[in-house]
N, C-alpha and C. Protein backbone atom coordinates (compact mmCIF):
# COMPACT_ATOMS: atom_id res chain seq x y z
N MET A 1 0.85 -1.16 0.00
CA MET A 1 0.00 0.00 0.00
C MET A 1 0.90 1.23 0.00
N ASP A 2 0.75 2.08 -0.98
CA ASP A 2 1.58 3.28 -1.05
C ASP A 2 0.95 4.41 -0.23
N LYS A 3 1.68 5.51 -0.11
CA LYS A 3 1.23 6.62 0.72
C LYS A 3 -0.11 7.18 0.24
N GLN A 4 -0.28 7.29 -1.07
CA GLN A 4 -1.52 7.87 -1.58
C GLN A 4 -2.72 6.98 -1.27
N SER A 5 -2.55 5.68 -1.36
CA SER A 5 -3.68 4.80 -1.05
C SER A 5 -3.99 4.83 0.44
N ILE A 6 -2.97 4.99 1.27
CA ILE A 6 -3.20 5.14 2.72
C ILE A 6 -3.98 6.42 2.99
N ILE A 7 -3.58 7.49 2.34
CA ILE A 7 -4.28 8.78 2.50
C ILE A 7 -5.73 8.63 2.05
N ASN A 8 -5.94 8.00 0.91
CA ASN A 8 -7.30 7.81 0.41
C ASN A 8 -8.15 7.00 1.37
N ARG A 9 -7.56 5.93 1.93
CA ARG A 9 -8.30 5.10 2.89
C ARG A 9 -8.60 5.89 4.16
N LEU A 10 -7.63 6.68 4.62
CA LEU A 10 -7.86 7.49 5.81
C LEU A 10 -8.98 8.50 5.59
N LEU A 11 -9.00 9.09 4.42
CA LEU A 11 -10.04 10.07 4.11
C LEU A 11 -11.42 9.42 3.99
N ALA A 12 -11.47 8.21 3.51
CA ALA A 12 -12.74 7.52 3.33
C ALA A 12 -13.24 6.88 4.63
N SER A 13 -12.35 6.58 5.54
CA SER A 13 -12.70 5.84 6.74
C SER A 13 -13.77 6.50 7.62
N PRO A 14 -13.70 7.81 7.89
CA PRO A 14 -14.74 8.39 8.76
C PRO A 14 -16.16 8.21 8.20
N ALA A 15 -16.32 8.35 6.91
CA ALA A 15 -17.64 8.16 6.31
C ALA A 15 -18.07 6.70 6.43
N GLU A 16 -17.14 5.78 6.24
CA GLU A 16 -17.46 4.36 6.37
C GLU A 16 -17.83 4.01 7.81
N ILE A 17 -17.11 4.61 8.76
CA ILE A 17 -17.42 4.38 10.17
C ILE A 17 -18.79 4.95 10.50
N ALA A 18 -19.08 6.14 10.01
CA ALA A 18 -20.39 6.75 10.25
C ALA A 18 -21.51 5.89 9.67
N ALA A 19 -21.30 5.36 8.48
CA ALA A 19 -22.31 4.49 7.86
C ALA A 19 -22.48 3.21 8.67
N ALA A 20 -21.38 2.66 9.16
CA ALA A 20 -21.46 1.44 9.98
C ALA A 20 -22.15 1.73 11.31
N GLU A 21 -21.91 2.91 11.88
CA GLU A 21 -22.60 3.29 13.11
C GLU A 21 -24.10 3.42 12.87
N GLU A 22 -24.47 4.04 11.76
CA GLU A 22 -25.89 4.20 11.42
C GLU A 22 -26.54 2.83 11.21
N ALA A 23 -25.84 1.94 10.53
CA ALA A 23 -26.38 0.59 10.32
C ALA A 23 -26.55 -0.14 11.64
N THR A 24 -25.64 0.07 12.57
CA THR A 24 -25.74 -0.55 13.88
C THR A 24 -26.94 0.00 14.65
N LEU A 25 -27.14 1.30 14.57
CA LEU A 25 -28.30 1.90 15.23
C LEU A 25 -29.61 1.38 14.64
N GLN A 26 -29.65 1.27 13.32
CA GLN A 26 -30.85 0.75 12.65
C GLN A 26 -31.10 -0.70 13.06
N ALA A 27 -30.04 -1.49 13.11
CA ALA A 27 -30.18 -2.90 13.50
C ALA A 27 -30.66 -3.01 14.94
N ASN A 28 -30.18 -2.12 15.78
CA ASN A 28 -30.63 -2.12 17.18
C ASN A 28 -32.11 -1.75 17.28
N MET A 29 -32.54 -0.76 16.50
CA MET A 29 -33.95 -0.38 16.51
C MET A 29 -34.83 -1.53 16.02
N LYS A 30 -34.36 -2.26 15.01
CA LYS A 30 -35.12 -3.41 14.51
C LYS A 30 -35.20 -4.51 15.58
N LEU A 31 -34.13 -4.68 16.33
CA LEU A 31 -34.14 -5.66 17.41
C LEU A 31 -35.16 -5.27 18.48
N VAL A 32 -35.16 -4.02 18.87
CA VAL A 32 -36.12 -3.54 19.87
C VAL A 32 -37.56 -3.74 19.36
N THR A 33 -37.78 -3.42 18.10
CA THR A 33 -39.11 -3.61 17.51
C THR A 33 -39.51 -5.08 17.51
N ALA A 34 -38.59 -5.95 17.15
CA ALA A 34 -38.89 -7.39 17.13
C ALA A 34 -39.23 -7.89 18.53
N LYS A 35 -38.51 -7.40 19.55
CA LYS A 35 -38.82 -7.80 20.93
C LYS A 35 -40.21 -7.32 21.33
N GLU A 36 -40.54 -6.08 20.93
CA GLU A 36 -41.86 -5.54 21.25
C GLU A 36 -42.97 -6.33 20.56
N MET A 37 -42.74 -6.71 19.30
CA MET A 37 -43.74 -7.48 18.56
C MET A 37 -43.97 -8.84 19.22
N LEU A 38 -42.90 -9.49 19.64
CA LEU A 38 -43.03 -10.78 20.31
C LEU A 38 -43.81 -10.61 21.62
N GLN A 39 -43.47 -9.59 22.38
CA GLN A 39 -44.15 -9.36 23.65
C GLN A 39 -45.64 -9.07 23.44
N GLN A 40 -45.95 -8.27 22.43
CA GLN A 40 -47.36 -7.97 22.13
C GLN A 40 -48.13 -9.22 21.74
N LYS A 41 -47.51 -10.06 20.92
CA LYS A 41 -48.17 -11.30 20.50
C LYS A 41 -48.40 -12.22 21.69
N GLU A 42 -47.39 -12.36 22.55
CA GLU A 42 -47.54 -13.20 23.74
C GLU A 42 -48.63 -12.66 24.64
N ASP A 43 -48.64 -11.35 24.85
CA ASP A 43 -49.68 -10.73 25.69
C ASP A 43 -51.06 -10.99 25.10
N SER A 44 -51.18 -10.82 23.80
CA SER A 44 -52.46 -11.03 23.14
C SER A 44 -52.94 -12.47 23.30
N LEU A 45 -52.02 -13.39 23.13
CA LEU A 45 -52.38 -14.81 23.29
C LEU A 45 -52.80 -15.13 24.71
N LEU A 46 -52.07 -14.60 25.67
CA LEU A 46 -52.38 -14.87 27.07
C LEU A 46 -53.70 -14.22 27.48
N LEU A 47 -53.89 -12.98 27.09
CA LEU A 47 -55.11 -12.26 27.47
C LEU A 47 -56.33 -12.74 26.70
N GLY A 48 -56.09 -13.28 25.49
CA GLY A 48 -57.19 -13.78 24.67
C GLY A 48 -57.56 -15.22 24.97
N ASN A 49 -56.95 -15.77 25.99
CA ASN A 49 -57.23 -17.15 26.42
C ASN A 49 -56.93 -18.19 25.34
N ALA A 50 -56.02 -17.89 24.43
CA ALA A 50 -55.60 -18.88 23.43
C ALA A 50 -54.66 -19.90 24.05
N ILE A 51 -54.03 -19.51 25.14
CA ILE A 51 -53.11 -20.40 25.85
C ILE A 51 -53.90 -21.03 27.00
N ASP A 52 -54.07 -22.34 26.93
CA ASP A 52 -54.93 -22.99 27.93
C ASP A 52 -54.29 -24.24 28.53
N GLY A 53 -52.97 -24.31 28.45
CA GLY A 53 -52.28 -25.49 28.99
C GLY A 53 -52.51 -25.65 30.48
N LYS A 54 -52.43 -26.89 30.94
CA LYS A 54 -52.71 -27.19 32.35
C LYS A 54 -51.54 -26.86 33.27
N ASN A 55 -50.32 -26.75 32.70
CA ASN A 55 -49.19 -26.39 33.55
C ASN A 55 -48.29 -25.41 32.80
N ALA A 56 -47.31 -24.88 33.50
CA ALA A 56 -46.45 -23.84 32.93
C ALA A 56 -45.69 -24.33 31.71
N GLU A 57 -45.25 -25.58 31.72
CA GLU A 57 -44.48 -26.11 30.60
C GLU A 57 -45.33 -26.17 29.33
N ILE A 58 -46.57 -26.62 29.48
CA ILE A 58 -47.47 -26.71 28.31
C ILE A 58 -47.82 -25.31 27.81
N ARG A 59 -48.08 -24.40 28.72
CA ARG A 59 -48.39 -23.03 28.31
C ARG A 59 -47.20 -22.40 27.59
N ALA A 60 -45.99 -22.64 28.10
CA ALA A 60 -44.79 -22.10 27.44
C ALA A 60 -44.64 -22.71 26.04
N ALA A 61 -44.90 -23.99 25.91
CA ALA A 61 -44.81 -24.64 24.60
C ALA A 61 -45.85 -24.07 23.65
N GLN A 62 -47.05 -23.83 24.14
CA GLN A 62 -48.09 -23.24 23.30
C GLN A 62 -47.67 -21.83 22.84
N LEU A 63 -47.12 -21.06 23.77
CA LEU A 63 -46.65 -19.71 23.40
C LEU A 63 -45.59 -19.79 22.32
N ARG A 64 -44.64 -20.69 22.47
CA ARG A 64 -43.60 -20.84 21.45
C ARG A 64 -44.20 -21.24 20.11
N GLN A 65 -45.18 -22.12 20.14
CA GLN A 65 -45.82 -22.57 18.91
C GLN A 65 -46.53 -21.42 18.20
N TYR A 66 -47.26 -20.63 18.94
CA TYR A 66 -48.03 -19.54 18.34
C TYR A 66 -47.20 -18.32 17.97
N THR A 67 -45.98 -18.25 18.48
CA THR A 67 -45.14 -17.07 18.22
C THR A 67 -43.90 -17.43 17.41
N GLU A 68 -43.98 -18.51 16.66
CA GLU A 68 -42.81 -18.96 15.89
C GLU A 68 -42.29 -17.88 14.95
N HIS A 69 -43.19 -17.23 14.22
CA HIS A 69 -42.77 -16.18 13.27
C HIS A 69 -42.08 -15.03 14.00
N GLU A 70 -42.65 -14.59 15.10
CA GLU A 70 -42.06 -13.48 15.86
C GLU A 70 -40.70 -13.86 16.44
N ARG A 71 -40.56 -15.09 16.86
CA ARG A 71 -39.28 -15.55 17.39
C ARG A 71 -38.21 -15.63 16.29
N GLU A 72 -38.62 -16.03 15.10
CA GLU A 72 -37.68 -16.04 13.97
C GLU A 72 -37.25 -14.62 13.62
N SER A 73 -38.20 -13.70 13.64
CA SER A 73 -37.87 -12.29 13.37
C SER A 73 -36.90 -11.75 14.42
N LEU A 74 -37.12 -12.13 15.67
CA LEU A 74 -36.24 -11.70 16.74
C LEU A 74 -34.84 -12.27 16.55
N ALA A 75 -34.74 -13.54 16.22
CA ALA A 75 -33.44 -14.18 16.00
C ALA A 75 -32.71 -13.52 14.83
N ASP A 76 -33.44 -13.21 13.76
CA ASP A 76 -32.84 -12.53 12.61
C ASP A 76 -32.33 -11.15 13.01
N ALA A 77 -33.12 -10.42 13.79
CA ALA A 77 -32.73 -9.08 14.22
C ALA A 77 -31.48 -9.15 15.11
N GLU A 78 -31.41 -10.15 15.98
CA GLU A 78 -30.23 -10.31 16.84
C GLU A 78 -28.99 -10.59 16.00
N LEU A 79 -29.13 -11.45 14.99
CA LEU A 79 -27.99 -11.78 14.12
C LEU A 79 -27.56 -10.55 13.32
N ASN A 80 -28.53 -9.81 12.80
CA ASN A 80 -28.20 -8.60 12.03
C ASN A 80 -27.48 -7.58 12.90
N LEU A 81 -27.89 -7.44 14.15
CA LEU A 81 -27.20 -6.51 15.05
C LEU A 81 -25.77 -6.97 15.31
N LYS A 82 -25.57 -8.25 15.56
CA LYS A 82 -24.22 -8.76 15.78
C LYS A 82 -23.33 -8.51 14.57
N ASN A 83 -23.87 -8.73 13.38
CA ASN A 83 -23.10 -8.48 12.16
C ASN A 83 -22.77 -7.01 11.99
N ALA A 84 -23.73 -6.14 12.28
CA ALA A 84 -23.50 -4.70 12.16
C ALA A 84 -22.43 -4.24 13.14
N VAL A 85 -22.47 -4.76 14.35
CA VAL A 85 -21.46 -4.40 15.36
C VAL A 85 -20.09 -4.89 14.91
N ALA A 86 -20.02 -6.08 14.33
CA ALA A 86 -18.74 -6.61 13.84
C ALA A 86 -18.19 -5.75 12.71
N ARG A 87 -19.07 -5.33 11.78
CA ARG A 87 -18.62 -4.47 10.68
C ARG A 87 -18.12 -3.13 11.20
N LEU A 88 -18.80 -2.58 12.18
CA LEU A 88 -18.36 -1.32 12.79
C LEU A 88 -17.00 -1.50 13.45
N GLY A 89 -16.82 -2.58 14.15
CA GLY A 89 -15.52 -2.85 14.80
C GLY A 89 -14.39 -2.97 13.79
N ARG A 90 -14.66 -3.66 12.68
CA ARG A 90 -13.64 -3.80 11.64
C ARG A 90 -13.29 -2.44 11.03
N ALA A 91 -14.29 -1.60 10.80
CA ALA A 91 -14.04 -0.28 10.22
C ALA A 91 -13.19 0.57 11.17
N ARG A 92 -13.51 0.51 12.45
CA ARG A 92 -12.72 1.27 13.44
C ARG A 92 -11.30 0.71 13.56
N ASP A 93 -11.17 -0.61 13.52
CA ASP A 93 -9.84 -1.23 13.60
C ASP A 93 -8.99 -0.82 12.40
N GLU A 94 -9.58 -0.82 11.21
CA GLU A 94 -8.82 -0.43 10.03
C GLU A 94 -8.36 1.03 10.14
N PHE A 95 -9.24 1.89 10.63
CA PHE A 95 -8.89 3.30 10.78
C PHE A 95 -7.71 3.46 11.75
N ARG A 96 -7.77 2.76 12.88
CA ARG A 96 -6.67 2.83 13.85
C ARG A 96 -5.37 2.27 13.26
N ALA A 97 -5.49 1.20 12.49
CA ALA A 97 -4.30 0.63 11.86
C ALA A 97 -3.68 1.61 10.87
N LEU A 98 -4.52 2.27 10.10
CA LEU A 98 -4.01 3.26 9.14
C LEU A 98 -3.35 4.42 9.87
N GLN A 99 -3.94 4.84 10.98
CA GLN A 99 -3.33 5.91 11.77
C GLN A 99 -1.96 5.48 12.29
N ALA A 100 -1.84 4.23 12.72
CA ALA A 100 -0.55 3.72 13.21
C ALA A 100 0.47 3.69 12.09
N ILE A 101 0.04 3.31 10.89
CA ILE A 101 0.96 3.30 9.73
C ILE A 101 1.46 4.70 9.44
N VAL A 102 0.56 5.68 9.51
CA VAL A 102 0.96 7.07 9.28
C VAL A 102 2.00 7.49 10.31
N GLU A 103 1.80 7.14 11.54
CA GLU A 103 2.77 7.48 12.59
C GLU A 103 4.13 6.83 12.31
N LEU A 104 4.11 5.57 11.83
CA LEU A 104 5.37 4.90 11.49
C LEU A 104 6.07 5.59 10.32
N ILE A 105 5.28 5.99 9.34
CA ILE A 105 5.85 6.69 8.18
C ILE A 105 6.44 8.02 8.60
N LYS A 106 5.73 8.75 9.47
CA LYS A 106 6.25 10.04 9.94
C LYS A 106 7.55 9.85 10.71
N GLY A 107 7.61 8.78 11.51
CA GLY A 107 8.82 8.51 12.28
C GLY A 107 9.99 8.13 11.41
N ALA A 108 9.72 7.48 10.29
CA ALA A 108 10.78 7.04 9.37
C ALA A 108 11.27 8.19 8.50
N ALA A 109 10.47 9.22 8.37
CA ALA A 109 10.85 10.33 7.47
C ALA A 109 11.78 11.31 8.11
């Protein structure tokens, strides 16, 4: 990597980090929404007497059965957030690495 490409990457990095931060925030909002949707569905099922199991284990199994779609959405949202956080971490790591390279170049000059 030559000096010009390092400069170009350094100049592009803040925008990439900002985009990764925004994606992380969006993923977090989707996760919160998915949790709320699951909670609303569970509340609706419980209050609507759709859950009628004789013990806690059966009622929990019924809840899981009736909320399969919401649970899948929640799992997807959790995975998307983890991926967004990882991408943000990589962008920040690259920026710090480029800064360290610049310091090494300055010291060698």
